[in-house]
Protein backbone atom coordinates (compact mmCIF):
# COMPACT_ATOMS: atom_id res chain seq x y z
CA MET A 1 26.03 8.83 10.59
CA PRO A 2 26.97 9.06 15.07
CA MET A 3 26.38 5.50 16.64
CA LEU A 4 23.36 4.92 19.28
CA ARG A 5 23.89 5.77 22.49
CA THR A 6 23.73 1.76 24.17
CA ASP A 7 23.37 2.52 27.52
CA SER A 8 19.66 1.23 28.75
CA SER A 9 18.99 4.44 30.81
CA ALA A 10 19.34 6.21 27.81
CA SER A 11 18.09 3.82 25.26
CA ALA A 12 16.08 0.95 24.52
CA TYR A 13 17.22 0.27 20.95
CA LYS A 14 21.02 -1.25 21.25
CA PRO A 15 22.38 -1.32 17.09
CA ASP A 16 23.16 -5.26 16.57
CA SER A 17 26.33 -6.01 16.61
CA GLN A 18 28.54 -6.81 13.64
CA PRO A 19 27.59 -10.74 12.95
CA GLN A 20 30.84 -12.83 14.33
CA PRO A 21 31.56 -16.08 12.17
CA GLU A 22 29.72 -18.70 13.54
CA PRO A 23 28.27 -22.03 12.41
CA ALA A 24 24.69 -22.61 11.93
CA SER A 25 22.86 -24.12 14.82
CA ALA A 26 20.17 -26.63 14.84
CA ARG A 27 17.85 -23.64 15.62
CA ASP A 28 18.78 -21.80 12.50
CA ARG A 29 18.45 -25.27 10.60
CA GLN A 30 14.81 -25.65 11.92
CA ALA A 31 13.78 -21.75 11.57
CA LEU A 32 14.64 -22.15 8.06
CA GLY A 33 13.15 -25.58 7.16
CA TRP A 34 10.00 -24.44 8.56
CA GLY A 35 10.52 -21.67 6.34
CA VAL A 36 10.78 -23.76 3.78
CA ALA A 37 7.83 -25.10 4.45
CA ALA A 38 5.64 -22.36 5.10
CA THR A 39 6.67 -21.00 1.52
CA ILE A 40 5.13 -24.06 -0.03
CA ALA A 41 2.06 -23.91 2.13
CA VAL A 42 1.08 -20.78 1.34
CA ALA A 43 1.59 -21.50 -2.60
CA LEU A 44 -0.70 -24.15 -1.89
CA PHE A 45 -3.16 -22.45 0.26
CA GLY A 46 -3.25 -19.94 -2.70
CA TRP A 47 -3.55 -21.99 -5.71
CA PHE A 48 -6.72 -23.87 -3.89
CA ALA A 49 -8.55 -20.41 -2.71
CA ARG A 50 -7.94 -19.37 -6.17
CA ILE A 51 -9.99 -22.58 -7.14
CA GLN A 52 -12.77 -21.78 -4.60
CA ILE A 53 -12.81 -18.38 -5.97
CA LEU A 54 -13.63 -19.51 -9.56
CA VAL A 55 -15.57 -22.19 -8.46
CA ASN A 56 -18.19 -20.19 -6.56
CA GLY A 57 -18.04 -17.64 -9.59
CA TRP A 58 -16.61 -14.83 -7.34
CA ALA A 59 -14.21 -14.25 -10.37
CA ARG A 60 -17.13 -13.26 -12.42
CA PRO A 61 -17.53 -9.33 -13.13
CA GLN A 62 -20.25 -8.47 -10.02
CA ALA A 63 -20.68 -5.83 -7.72
CA PHE A 64 -17.63 -5.50 -5.15
CA ASN A 65 -15.61 -8.02 -6.25
CA VAL A 66 -12.68 -6.68 -8.29
CA PHE A 67 -9.97 -8.24 -5.73
CA TYR A 68 -11.24 -12.03 -6.07
CA ARG A 69 -11.22 -11.16 -9.68
CA LEU A 70 -7.84 -10.02 -10.03
CA TYR A 71 -6.74 -12.54 -7.95
CA ALA A 72 -8.63 -15.37 -10.15
CA LEU A 73 -7.24 -13.27 -13.54
CA TYR A 74 -3.31 -12.86 -12.27
CA GLU A 75 -2.05 -14.98 -9.61
CA LEU A 76 -1.61 -18.45 -10.71
CA PRO A 77 1.41 -17.93 -12.26
CA PHE A 78 3.02 -16.62 -9.10
CA LEU A 79 1.78 -19.05 -6.56
CA LEU A 80 3.55 -21.69 -9.25
CA LEU A 81 6.90 -19.52 -9.01
CA THR A 82 6.32 -19.48 -5.43
CA PHE A 83 5.66 -23.19 -4.97
CA ALA A 84 9.02 -23.83 -7.21
CA ALA A 85 10.85 -21.77 -5.12
CA GLY A 86 10.11 -23.48 -2.20
CA LEU A 87 11.25 -27.07 -4.02
CA VAL A 88 14.51 -25.57 -4.82
CA LEU A 89 15.11 -24.49 -1.36
CA ILE A 90 14.94 -28.11 -0.09
CA PHE A 91 17.36 -29.15 -1.98
CA ALA A 92 19.56 -26.40 -1.38
CA LEU A 93 19.01 -27.51 2.50
CA ARG A 94 20.39 -30.44 1.51
CA GLY A 95 23.75 -31.19 3.14
CA ARG A 96 26.21 -28.91 4.15
CA GLY A 97 28.72 -27.20 1.39
CA ALA A 98 32.19 -27.09 0.98
CA ASP A 99 31.63 -23.05 1.43
CA GLN A 100 29.83 -23.33 4.81
CA ALA A 101 33.09 -22.51 6.86
CA PRO A 102 32.46 -19.67 8.89
CA THR A 103 33.22 -16.26 7.20
CA ALA A 104 33.14 -12.46 8.30
CA TRP A 105 30.50 -10.62 7.30
CA SER A 106 31.40 -7.25 6.19
CA LEU A 107 32.64 -7.78 3.03
CA ASP A 108 34.90 -4.93 1.34
CA TRP A 109 33.83 -5.66 -2.39
CA ILE A 110 30.37 -4.07 -0.85
CA PRO A 111 30.19 -0.26 -0.65
CA LEU A 112 28.85 1.29 2.77
CA PRO A 113 25.41 2.08 2.67
CA THR A 114 26.16 5.97 2.81
CA ALA A 115 23.66 8.16 1.60
CA ARG A 116 25.35 9.26 -1.53
CA ALA A 117 25.82 5.74 -1.99
CA VAL A 118 21.92 4.89 -1.69
CA ALA A 119 20.93 8.30 -3.80
CA VAL A 120 21.55 6.01 -6.62
CA PRO A 121 19.17 3.33 -5.95
CA ALA A 122 16.70 6.07 -4.68
CA ILE A 123 17.09 8.24 -7.61
CA ALA A 124 16.41 5.00 -10.11
CA MET A 125 13.36 3.79 -7.95
CA PHE A 126 12.07 7.24 -8.55
CA ILE A 127 12.57 7.20 -12.25
CA ALA A 128 11.08 3.40 -12.52
CA ALA A 129 8.20 4.69 -10.47
CA LEU A 130 7.64 7.53 -12.92
CA LEU A 131 7.79 5.06 -15.67
CA THR A 132 5.02 2.75 -13.88
CA THR A 133 3.19 5.81 -13.78
CA HIS A 134 2.86 6.83 -17.15
CA MET A 135 3.46 3.69 -19.47
CA VAL A 136 1.09 1.09 -16.57
CA PHE A 137 -1.08 3.58 -15.26
CA HIS A 138 -1.60 5.75 -18.17
CA GLY A 139 -1.90 8.45 -15.35
CA TYR A 140 -4.94 7.04 -14.35
CA ALA A 141 -6.45 7.17 -10.80
CA LEU A 142 -7.94 3.16 -11.05
CA SER A 143 -9.91 3.17 -7.79
CA MET A 144 -11.75 5.72 -6.27
CA ASP A 145 -9.65 5.48 -3.33
CA GLU A 146 -7.45 7.34 -5.48
CA PHE A 147 -9.54 9.55 -7.16
CA SER A 148 -10.93 11.07 -4.15
CA VAL A 149 -7.44 11.78 -2.30
CA ASP A 150 -7.03 13.77 -5.75
CA PHE A 151 -10.10 15.47 -5.74
CA GLN A 152 -9.47 16.82 -2.44
CA ALA A 153 -5.87 17.86 -3.58
CA ARG A 154 -7.63 19.68 -6.13
CA ILE A 155 -9.47 21.46 -3.45
CA PHE A 156 -6.45 22.38 -1.44
CA ALA A 157 -4.37 23.54 -4.87
CA HIS A 158 -7.63 26.01 -5.58
CA GLY A 159 -6.58 27.67 -2.00
CA GLN A 160 -9.78 26.03 -0.28
CA ILE A 161 -11.01 23.10 2.04
CA LYS A 162 -14.13 22.44 0.56
CA ALA A 163 -15.39 23.12 -3.09
CA VAL A 164 -18.94 24.94 -3.25
CA VAL A 165 -20.84 23.16 -5.80
CA PRO A 166 -22.39 25.97 -8.49
CA ALA A 167 -25.97 26.59 -6.99
CA ALA A 168 -27.75 25.21 -10.77
CA TRP A 169 -25.86 22.03 -10.06
CA GLN A 170 -27.08 21.44 -6.29
CA SER A 171 -30.47 20.00 -6.56
CA LEU A 172 -28.35 17.19 -8.73
CA GLY A 173 -26.05 15.99 -5.73
CA ALA A 174 -26.61 12.06 -5.81
CA ALA A 175 -26.09 11.93 -9.64
CA ILE A 176 -23.09 14.02 -9.87
CA THR A 177 -21.16 13.31 -6.83
CA PRO A 178 -18.10 10.32 -7.73
CA VAL A 179 -18.39 7.68 -4.88
CA LEU A 180 -15.91 8.72 -1.98
CA VAL A 181 -16.30 12.06 -1.84
CA GLY A 182 -19.17 14.12 0.25
CA PHE A 183 -21.86 16.10 -0.63
CA HIS A 184 -23.33 18.50 1.77
CA PRO A 185 -26.85 19.10 0.39
CA GLY A 186 -27.61 21.60 2.78
CA ALA A 187 -24.45 24.18 2.87
CA GLY A 188 -23.68 22.83 -1.17
CA TYR A 189 -20.20 22.38 -0.78
CA TRP A 190 -18.13 18.84 -1.52
CA VAL A 191 -15.00 17.17 0.01
CA SER A 192 -12.95 14.10 0.38
CA GLU A 193 -14.29 11.24 2.65
CA TYR A 194 -10.84 10.73 3.78
CA LEU A 195 -8.67 12.80 5.97
CA PRO A 196 -6.44 15.22 4.31
CA THR A 197 -2.66 15.30 4.93
CA TYR A 198 -2.08 13.21 1.86
CA ALA A 199 -3.99 15.24 -0.27
CA ALA A 200 -2.38 18.36 0.91
CA LEU A 201 1.24 16.82 0.36
CA LYS A 202 0.12 16.21 -2.95
CA ALA A 203 -1.66 19.95 -3.83
CA PRO A 204 1.20 21.93 -4.58
CA PHE A 205 2.26 19.06 -7.41
CA VAL A 206 -1.18 19.37 -8.52
CA LEU A 207 -0.68 23.34 -8.49
CA THR A 208 2.12 23.29 -10.99
CA GLY A 209 0.68 20.70 -12.92
CA GLY A 210 3.03 17.70 -11.47
CA GLY A 211 0.49 15.74 -9.40
CA LEU A 212 1.37 12.35 -10.70
CA LEU A 213 4.75 12.98 -9.48
CA LEU A 214 3.97 12.81 -5.75
CA ASN A 215 4.47 8.75 -5.22
CA PRO A 216 7.72 8.47 -7.16
CA LEU A 217 8.99 11.14 -5.15
CA LEU A 218 7.84 8.98 -2.24
CA ALA A 219 9.23 5.96 -3.58
CA GLY A 220 12.72 7.37 -3.68
CA ILE A 221 12.91 8.71 -0.37
CA SER A 222 11.63 5.49 1.05
CA VAL A 223 15.34 4.22 -0.23
CA LEU A 224 16.76 6.65 1.09
CA ALA A 225 14.57 5.92 4.82
CA MET A 226 15.14 2.25 4.45
CA GLY A 227 18.86 2.93 4.13
CA ALA A 228 18.96 5.21 6.93
CA ALA A 229 16.98 3.21 9.21
CA ALA A 230 18.83 0.02 8.11
CA ARG A 231 22.43 1.73 8.90
CA ARG A 232 21.04 2.55 12.14
CA LEU A 233 19.95 -1.14 13.08
CA TRP A 234 23.11 -2.53 11.92
CA PRO A 235 25.66 0.07 12.20
CA GLY A 236 29.34 -0.45 10.36
CA GLU A 237 27.56 -3.44 8.27
CA ARG A 238 27.73 -3.27 4.45
CA LEU A 239 25.55 -6.60 3.79
CA ARG A 240 22.14 -6.29 5.71
CA PRO A 241 21.75 -2.74 4.73
CA TRP A 242 22.34 -3.43 0.64
CA LEU A 243 20.34 -6.60 1.12
CA ALA A 244 17.42 -4.45 2.70
CA ILE A 245 17.24 -1.97 0.01
CA ALA A 246 17.50 -4.64 -2.63
CA LEU A 247 14.42 -6.69 -1.13
CA LEU A 248 12.66 -3.17 -1.50
CA LEU A 249 13.90 -2.29 -5.15
CA THR A 250 12.65 -5.72 -6.10
CA SER A 251 9.34 -5.71 -4.67
CA THR A 252 6.61 -5.56 -7.56
CA GLU A 253 3.95 -4.61 -4.81
CA PHE A 254 6.65 -1.40 -4.15
CA ILE A 255 7.49 -0.51 -7.81
CA LEU A 256 3.76 -0.85 -9.11
CA THR A 257 2.17 0.84 -5.98
CA SER A 258 4.91 3.58 -6.45
CA GLY A 259 3.17 4.55 -9.74
CA SER A 260 -0.08 4.41 -8.16
CA GLN A 261 -2.30 7.22 -6.88
CA TYR A 262 -2.74 5.42 -3.85
CA THR A 263 -1.32 7.14 -0.46
CA MET A 264 -0.12 3.62 0.31
CA PRO A 265 3.57 5.17 -0.73
CA ALA A 266 3.05 7.82 1.76
CA HIS A 267 2.62 5.63 4.47
CA LEU A 268 5.26 3.38 3.90
CA CYS A 269 7.52 6.52 3.36
CA LEU A 270 6.51 8.34 6.64
CA ASN A 271 6.84 5.13 8.61
CA LEU A 272 10.06 4.29 8.00
CA ALA A 273 11.20 8.27 8.20
CA TRP A 274 9.68 7.87 11.64
CA LEU A 275 11.47 4.74 12.60
CA TRP A 276 14.87 6.53 11.51
CA LEU A 277 14.44 9.37 13.57
CA TYR A 278 13.46 6.84 16.24
CA LEU A 279 16.19 5.17 16.15
CA ARG A 280 18.91 8.39 15.87
CA ASP A 281 16.84 8.85 19.58
CA ASP A 282 18.20 12.36 20.10
CA ALA A 283 15.87 14.60 21.37
CA ARG A 284 15.48 16.94 18.34
CA SER A 285 14.60 13.84 16.28
CA TRP A 286 12.00 12.60 18.79
CA VAL A 287 10.19 15.83 18.31
CA ALA A 288 10.57 15.06 14.26
CA ALA A 289 9.38 11.88 15.09
CA ALA A 290 6.26 13.03 16.87
CA ILE A 291 5.43 15.55 14.21
CA VAL A 292 6.00 13.43 11.31
CA GLY A 293 3.76 10.58 13.19
CA ALA A 294 0.92 12.90 13.18
CA VAL A 295 1.39 14.18 9.62
CA ALA A 296 1.06 9.95 9.30
CA LEU A 297 -2.19 9.82 11.01
CA GLY A 298 -4.06 11.96 9.15
CA LEU A 299 -2.55 10.74 5.25
CA HIS A 300 -6.44 8.80 4.56
CA HIS A 301 -7.23 7.26 7.86
CA PRO A 302 -4.99 6.77 10.91
CA ILE A 303 -5.28 3.06 11.29
CA SER A 304 -2.22 2.14 9.12
CA HIS A 305 0.25 4.34 11.58
CA ALA A 306 -1.49 3.68 14.58
CA ILE A 307 -0.36 0.05 14.41
CA PHE A 308 2.66 0.72 12.96
CA VAL A 309 3.95 2.92 15.75
CA THR A 310 2.02 1.31 19.32
CA PRO A 311 4.72 -1.60 19.26
CA PHE A 312 7.04 1.09 19.97
CA LEU A 313 5.10 3.35 22.28
CA ILE A 314 4.60 0.30 24.14
CA ARG A 315 8.10 -0.24 24.77
CA LEU A 316 8.99 3.45 26.14
CA VAL A 317 5.98 2.73 28.73
CA ARG A 318 7.81 -0.91 29.56
CA ASP A 319 11.20 1.15 29.73
CA ARG A 320 9.87 4.48 31.86
CA ARG A 321 11.04 6.35 29.12
CA TRP A 322 8.67 9.09 30.48
CA ASN A 323 10.40 11.65 29.00
CA ARG A 324 9.73 10.98 25.28
CA LEU A 325 6.14 9.68 25.94
CA ALA A 326 5.47 13.29 27.35
CA VAL A 327 6.88 14.69 24.25
CA ILE A 328 4.90 12.19 22.17
CA ILE A 329 1.06 11.97 23.36
CA PRO A 330 0.63 15.09 23.79
CA ILE A 331 1.29 15.97 19.45
CA TYR A 332 -0.67 12.50 18.86
CA ALA A 333 -3.34 13.35 21.30
CA ALA A 334 -3.76 16.98 18.88
CA ALA A 335 -3.32 15.38 15.86
CA CYS A 336 -6.46 12.90 16.76
CA VAL A 337 -8.47 15.51 18.15
CA LEU A 338 -7.79 17.62 14.54
CA TRP A 339 -8.51 14.39 12.45
CA VAL A 340 -11.38 13.67 14.19
CA SER A 341 -12.74 17.54 13.99
CA TRP A 342 -12.03 16.92 10.09
CA LEU A 343 -14.08 13.66 9.76
CA HIS A 344 -17.16 15.52 11.30
CA PHE A 345 -16.66 18.26 8.44
CA ALA A 346 -15.97 15.76 5.63
CA LEU A 347 -18.77 13.07 6.16
CA PRO A 348 -22.53 14.79 5.58
CA HIS A 349 -23.74 12.50 8.51
CA GLY A 350 -20.66 12.59 11.00
CA ALA A 351 -18.13 10.02 11.34
CA ALA A 352 -19.56 6.86 10.72
CA GLY A 353 -22.34 7.94 8.16
CA ALA A 354 -22.42 6.75 4.98
CA THR A 355 -22.80 9.94 2.02
CA ALA A 356 -23.95 11.15 -1.58
CA GLY A 357 -21.27 9.16 -3.18
CA GLY A 358 -21.48 5.73 -1.23
CA GLY A 359 -19.82 6.17 1.96
CA VAL A 360 -16.26 4.44 2.68
CA PRO A 361 -16.90 0.63 1.45
CA GLY A 362 -15.79 -1.88 3.91
CA VAL A 363 -16.39 0.47 7.11
CA SER A 364 -19.20 -0.38 9.44
CA GLY A 365 -20.10 0.52 12.89
CA ARG A 366 -18.31 -1.54 14.72
CA LEU A 367 -13.67 -1.44 14.48
CA LEU A 368 -13.27 -4.88 15.24
CA ALA A 369 -15.36 -8.64 15.34
CA LEU A 370 -14.28 -11.64 16.36
CA PRO A 371 -13.03 -13.32 13.00
CA SER A 372 -15.00 -15.75 10.95
CA ALA A 373 -14.11 -18.56 8.84
CA GLY A 374 -14.20 -16.75 5.78
CA MET A 375 -12.26 -13.63 7.46
CA LEU A 376 -9.61 -15.95 8.39
CA TRP A 377 -10.03 -17.52 4.63
CA LEU A 378 -9.66 -14.23 3.17
CA GLN A 379 -6.33 -13.34 5.04
CA GLY A 380 -4.76 -16.43 3.90
CA ILE A 381 -5.07 -14.91 0.29
CA ASN A 382 -3.85 -11.49 1.20
CA ILE A 383 -0.74 -13.56 3.58
CA SER A 384 -0.66 -15.61 -0.16
CA LEU A 385 0.04 -12.30 -1.91
CA LEU A 386 2.70 -10.90 0.42
CA PHE A 387 4.32 -13.92 -0.91
CA THR A 388 4.02 -13.82 -4.75
CA TRP A 389 4.42 -9.75 -5.00
CA GLN A 390 7.77 -9.84 -3.29
CA THR A 391 11.07 -11.91 -4.63
CA PRO A 392 10.76 -15.48 -4.36
CA VAL A 393 13.15 -16.12 -1.28
CA PHE A 394 11.28 -12.98 0.61
CA GLY A 395 8.59 -14.49 2.53
CA LEU A 396 11.43 -17.49 3.71
CA LEU A 397 13.64 -14.92 4.71
CA VAL A 398 10.92 -13.08 6.55
CA LEU A 399 10.01 -16.58 8.62
CA ALA A 400 13.83 -17.32 9.23
CA ALA A 401 13.69 -13.78 11.13
CA LEU A 402 10.39 -14.20 13.07
CA LEU A 403 11.08 -18.02 13.89
CA GLN A 404 14.00 -16.77 16.18
CA SER A 405 12.26 -13.03 17.52
CA ARG A 406 13.96 -13.56 20.59
CA ARG A 407 17.67 -13.28 19.30
CA LEU A 408 16.26 -10.36 17.56
CA PRO A 409 17.32 -6.42 18.32
CA PRO A 410 14.51 -4.50 20.44
CA ALA A 411 13.71 -2.46 17.83
CA LEU A 412 13.35 -5.66 15.56
CA GLN A 413 11.06 -7.20 17.84
CA ASP A 414 9.04 -4.34 17.49
CA LEU A 415 8.89 -4.43 13.79
CA ALA A 416 7.93 -7.69 14.07
CA TRP A 417 5.04 -6.63 16.25
CA GLY A 418 3.76 -4.47 14.34
CA VAL A 419 3.22 -7.08 11.33
CA PHE A 420 1.71 -8.81 13.64
CA LEU A 421 -0.89 -6.09 14.78
CA SER A 422 -1.15 -5.48 11.52
CA LEU A 423 -2.05 -8.66 10.32
CA LEU A 424 -4.78 -8.93 13.39
CA PHE A 425 -6.74 -5.46 12.53
CA TYR A 426 -7.26 -6.86 8.99
CA THR A 427 -8.80 -10.50 10.26
CA CYS A 428 -10.63 -8.95 12.96
CA ARG A 429 -12.00 -6.32 10.42
CA PRO A 430 -16.25 -6.31 9.87
CA SER A 431 -17.63 -4.94 6.69
CA THR A 432 -21.15 -3.88 5.86
CA HIS A 433 -20.88 -6.00 2.10
CA GLY A 434 -19.60 -9.29 3.45
CA LEU A 435 -16.02 -10.08 3.84
CA ALA A 436 -13.55 -6.92 4.19
CA ASP A 437 -11.38 -7.35 1.13
CA GLN A 438 -9.20 -4.62 -0.06
CA GLY A 439 -11.13 -3.71 -3.16
CA HIS A 440 -8.57 -2.73 -6.16
CA GLY A 441 -4.93 -3.18 -5.15
CA TRP A 442 -1.61 -4.41 -6.27
CA GLY A 443 -0.51 -6.96 -3.38
CA ASP A 444 -1.75 -6.63 -0.02
CA ARG A 445 -2.84 -2.86 0.18
CA TYR A 446 -3.78 -3.53 3.62
CA ALA A 447 -0.43 -4.35 4.68
CA TYR A 448 1.53 -1.70 2.84
CA GLU A 449 1.92 0.25 5.82
CA VAL A 450 4.21 -2.56 7.76
CA LEU A 451 5.80 -3.65 4.39
CA GLY A 452 9.36 -1.80 5.36
CA ASN A 453 8.99 -4.01 8.75
CA LEU A 454 8.57 -7.03 6.72
CA ILE A 455 11.61 -5.79 4.36
CA LEU A 456 14.13 -5.18 7.26
CA LEU A 457 12.51 -8.76 9.06
CA ALA A 458 13.67 -10.38 5.71
CA ALA A 459 17.51 -8.46 6.01
CA ALA A 460 17.50 -10.06 8.81
CA GLY A 461 16.59 -13.61 8.23
CA GLY A 462 19.61 -13.14 5.65
CA VAL A 463 22.05 -13.84 8.70
CA VAL A 464 20.10 -17.30 9.08
CA MET A 465 20.12 -18.10 5.80
CA ARG A 466 24.03 -17.45 5.24
CA ARG A 467 24.87 -19.74 8.02
CA VAL A 468 22.70 -22.48 6.93
CA LEU A 469 23.90 -21.95 3.27
CA GLY A 470 27.27 -20.77 3.40
CA SER A 471 28.60 -18.03 1.70
CA ARG A 472 28.22 -18.80 -2.03
CA ARG A 473 25.48 -20.81 -1.61
CA ALA A 474 23.42 -18.32 -0.02
CA ALA A 475 24.53 -15.44 -2.61
CA ALA A 476 23.44 -17.76 -5.41
CA VAL A 477 19.98 -18.51 -4.09
CA LEU A 478 19.72 -14.56 -3.48
CA GLY A 479 21.20 -13.82 -6.83
CA ILE A 480 18.77 -15.91 -8.46
CA SER A 481 15.69 -15.11 -6.96
CA PHE A 482 16.61 -11.27 -7.48
CA ALA A 483 16.79 -12.59 -11.42
CA THR A 484 14.16 -14.03 -11.45
CA THR A 485 11.95 -11.19 -10.05
CA LEU A 486 13.47 -8.69 -13.02
CA ILE A 487 13.46 -11.12 -15.50
CA VAL A 488 10.10 -12.78 -14.73
CA GLN A 489 7.92 -11.22 -11.94
CA VAL A 490 8.15 -7.47 -12.99
CA PRO A 491 7.45 -8.05 -16.70
CA ILE A 492 4.39 -10.18 -16.43
CA ARG A 493 3.09 -7.45 -13.26
CA VAL A 494 3.89 -4.81 -15.73
CA ARG A 495 1.76 -6.21 -18.59
CA ASN A 496 -0.90 -7.53 -16.31
CA THR A 497 -1.76 -4.23 -14.58
CA ALA A 498 -1.19 -2.35 -17.59
CA SER A 499 -3.93 -4.27 -19.62
CA PHE A 500 -6.36 -4.20 -16.25
CA VAL A 501 -6.14 0.04 -15.96
CA ARG A 502 -6.26 0.46 -19.92
CA PRO A 503 -10.06 0.25 -20.88
CA PHE A 504 -10.68 2.23 -17.76
CA ALA A 505 -8.17 4.42 -18.90
CA ALA A 506 -9.43 4.95 -22.31
CA ALA A 507 -13.34 5.28 -20.88
CA GLU A 508 -12.12 8.14 -18.75
CA ASN A 509 -10.58 9.97 -22.54
CA TYR A 510 -13.32 9.29 -24.12
CA LEU A 511 -15.98 10.77 -21.48
CA LEU A 512 -13.39 13.87 -21.36
CA THR A 513 -13.15 14.41 -25.21
CA ARG A 514 -17.21 14.48 -26.01
CA ASN A 515 -18.29 17.59 -27.91
CA ALA A 516 -20.95 18.88 -25.54
CA ASP A 517 -21.42 20.70 -22.17
CA VAL A 518 -23.19 17.81 -20.09
CA VAL A 519 -22.09 14.17 -21.01
CA LEU A 520 -25.14 11.45 -19.41
CA LEU A 521 -23.60 8.18 -18.17
CA ARG A 522 -25.80 5.00 -17.65
CA ALA A 523 -22.96 2.26 -17.54
CA ASP A 524 -25.44 0.29 -15.72
CA SER A 525 -24.24 -3.06 -17.67
CA VAL A 526 -20.16 -2.34 -16.90
CA TRP A 527 -18.78 -3.42 -14.54
CA TYR A 528 -17.35 -1.01 -11.89
CA GLY A 529 -19.12 1.65 -14.14
CA ARG A 530 -20.07 3.95 -11.79
CA ASP A 531 -16.65 4.86 -11.21
CA LEU A 532 -16.19 6.81 -14.17
CA LEU A 533 -17.88 9.56 -12.76
CA ARG A 534 -15.01 11.63 -12.23
CA ASN A 535 -16.11 15.19 -11.84
CA ASP A 536 -14.24 18.08 -11.11
CA PRO A 537 -14.67 19.59 -7.82
CA TYR A 538 -15.10 22.95 -9.38
CA LEU A 539 -17.40 21.07 -12.28
CA ARG A 540 -14.72 22.39 -15.07
CA GLY A 541 -15.31 21.37 -17.96
CA GLN A 542 -18.13 19.09 -18.89
CA PRO A 543 -19.78 17.46 -15.92
CA THR A 544 -20.91 14.09 -16.10
CA ILE A 545 -23.97 13.06 -14.92
CA VAL A 546 -25.80 9.48 -14.17
CA ALA A 547 -28.44 9.15 -16.09
CA ASN A 548 -30.00 6.22 -13.65
CA ASN A 549 -30.41 9.32 -11.34
CA LEU A 550 -32.01 11.95 -13.43
CA SER A 551 -36.10 12.63 -12.88
CA PRO A 552 -37.25 12.93 -16.21
CA ALA A 553 -38.10 16.52 -15.27
CA ALA A 554 -34.54 17.01 -14.53
CA ARG A 555 -33.29 15.48 -17.66
CA SER A 556 -35.37 17.99 -19.16
CA GLY A 557 -34.37 20.87 -17.40
CA LEU A 558 -30.75 19.97 -18.80
CA GLU A 559 -31.78 19.85 -22.36
CA LEU A 560 -33.63 23.03 -22.17
CA ALA A 561 -30.51 24.63 -20.24
CA HIS A 562 -27.56 23.04 -22.85
CA PRO A 563 -29.60 22.90 -26.07
CA GLY A 564 -28.19 19.99 -28.61
CA ARG A 565 -25.51 19.90 -26.30
CA VAL A 566 -26.08 17.04 -24.04
CA VAL A 567 -24.80 13.96 -25.07
CA GLU A 568 -25.34 10.35 -23.27
CA VAL A 569 -22.85 7.67 -23.67
CA SER A 570 -24.65 4.19 -24.28
CA ASN A 571 -23.33 1.17 -22.59
CA GLN A 572 -21.79 -0.01 -26.28
CA ASP A 573 -20.08 2.66 -26.22
CA LEU A 574 -17.63 1.82 -22.78
CA LEU A 575 -18.11 -1.95 -24.00
CA ARG A 576 -15.86 -1.03 -27.03
CA LEU A 577 -13.40 0.48 -25.58
CA GLY A 578 -12.69 -2.95 -23.63
CA LEU A 579 -14.43 -2.26 -20.50
CA THR A 580 -16.22 -5.75 -18.87
CA PRO A 581 -20.10 -6.24 -18.82
CA TRP A 582 -21.76 -7.42 -15.87
CA ALA A 583 -21.60 -11.17 -15.49
CA ASN A 584 -25.10 -10.96 -15.80
CA ASN A 585 -25.44 -9.61 -19.37
CA HIS A 586 -23.30 -12.32 -20.96
């Protein structure tokens, strides 16, 4: 790839020079020491928070508490592992090894991160994510966020932007409408409450029967984009680009989310692609970056990309690069108008309204609020997930880079600001039903759009580690960390996730295989039982209806219209499949 232009009038982004052999400074050792201390502190905070969750009963199966239940059930081993990693790193920091004489950073045995070389781990990631989709998630969209965008993708695959509910079923709107799907009773149509571009990306795959291929494909492209962006940041270097790729491939959050049906893999992929195009710094790439950003703003909500891109746009203003701003601002403005128009079309009561499907969880009339003690506590839990869902040294490397942010090149400084803004936004985000936790998710789902930022910062932190520990000791620490991830973290995460998802997938299969024209679902004593209402946008197959929302007259009408073909699935049928009863039914 050609080098970036480095004259200040042409580009604010100068490639980081090849690291020169130099001894560790007191600032390096201090940064690494603070990183170790923070790793231990985060693990201890997570352990204490888990105790609070258990003591207060927040892990018991009750309304909207899946986030706390997942944390209580599964995070303890990884908090202990993070704590142990911090203790090991304390010993690694003691003294100066004999191998710590300054050495060159470009190691000849490491290949250059060319597109062909990076294609190998990209293909491997695609295969791993595809296996995760089928073997861990059982091909099932666990959360209603995942189902809602898949619902819209099926509408787009049908060649429409909305699905008209058959007239015979329109009077049962509340009883047949899934969560996060907007039913417009006057017009009689359904549409997902989320923005549409992820669904549009998925529609061609749905049309050809390969809807589950999209996220694994995005995961593979993300690896390629990470390699391309890292090579732009460190041109001609071998170590840090490959370290960034290794950190991405060993992120259990990346592996599992890539196998899910969330929109988050698209956010990460498009943000990394945007960064690569931005760093190329030529006119055509900049137009392409603006178009990629416009698409990213409409993936399912605009916040993810808006937070990521804001520091870069501020730098353009500071550097008076008006020609670049003149391209991106009109494109982004047009995208914003388009996506706001979509929201007014999609939501029955306007962009801030609730719907028959229950509205968008966690969103209130205010976008931001001063953080309460509870919101700060929750964000502390989220930060602990950023540590425990990555390889054990990940947090240390990120902090080592952040604590020397003034020595980072401008691009990495802007990536760091993106992380800060993301954490700040979700710390100050109010909710209509208590703390605004992420609900279902693997790792810190709300910070997933800046996972690429964190990984590139962690790769930069590798410079600090190598200067302080020396070549052989740093290589040993990284090797042990990656091995621990592959041997310990990944298998346990895979087992935990598969066991949690399996009963819900079995329940959906059970509902779909009933010999009936209509399936009645009560599920009022089943934890997250309402999420089992997952009708096709055109009510193909047998419709599922929430029996609780049916009047006696409506039920009688159904039984008259479908004599002997209306089957009610009992709560006990669902509980026998392994689903969890509500806490008050124990």
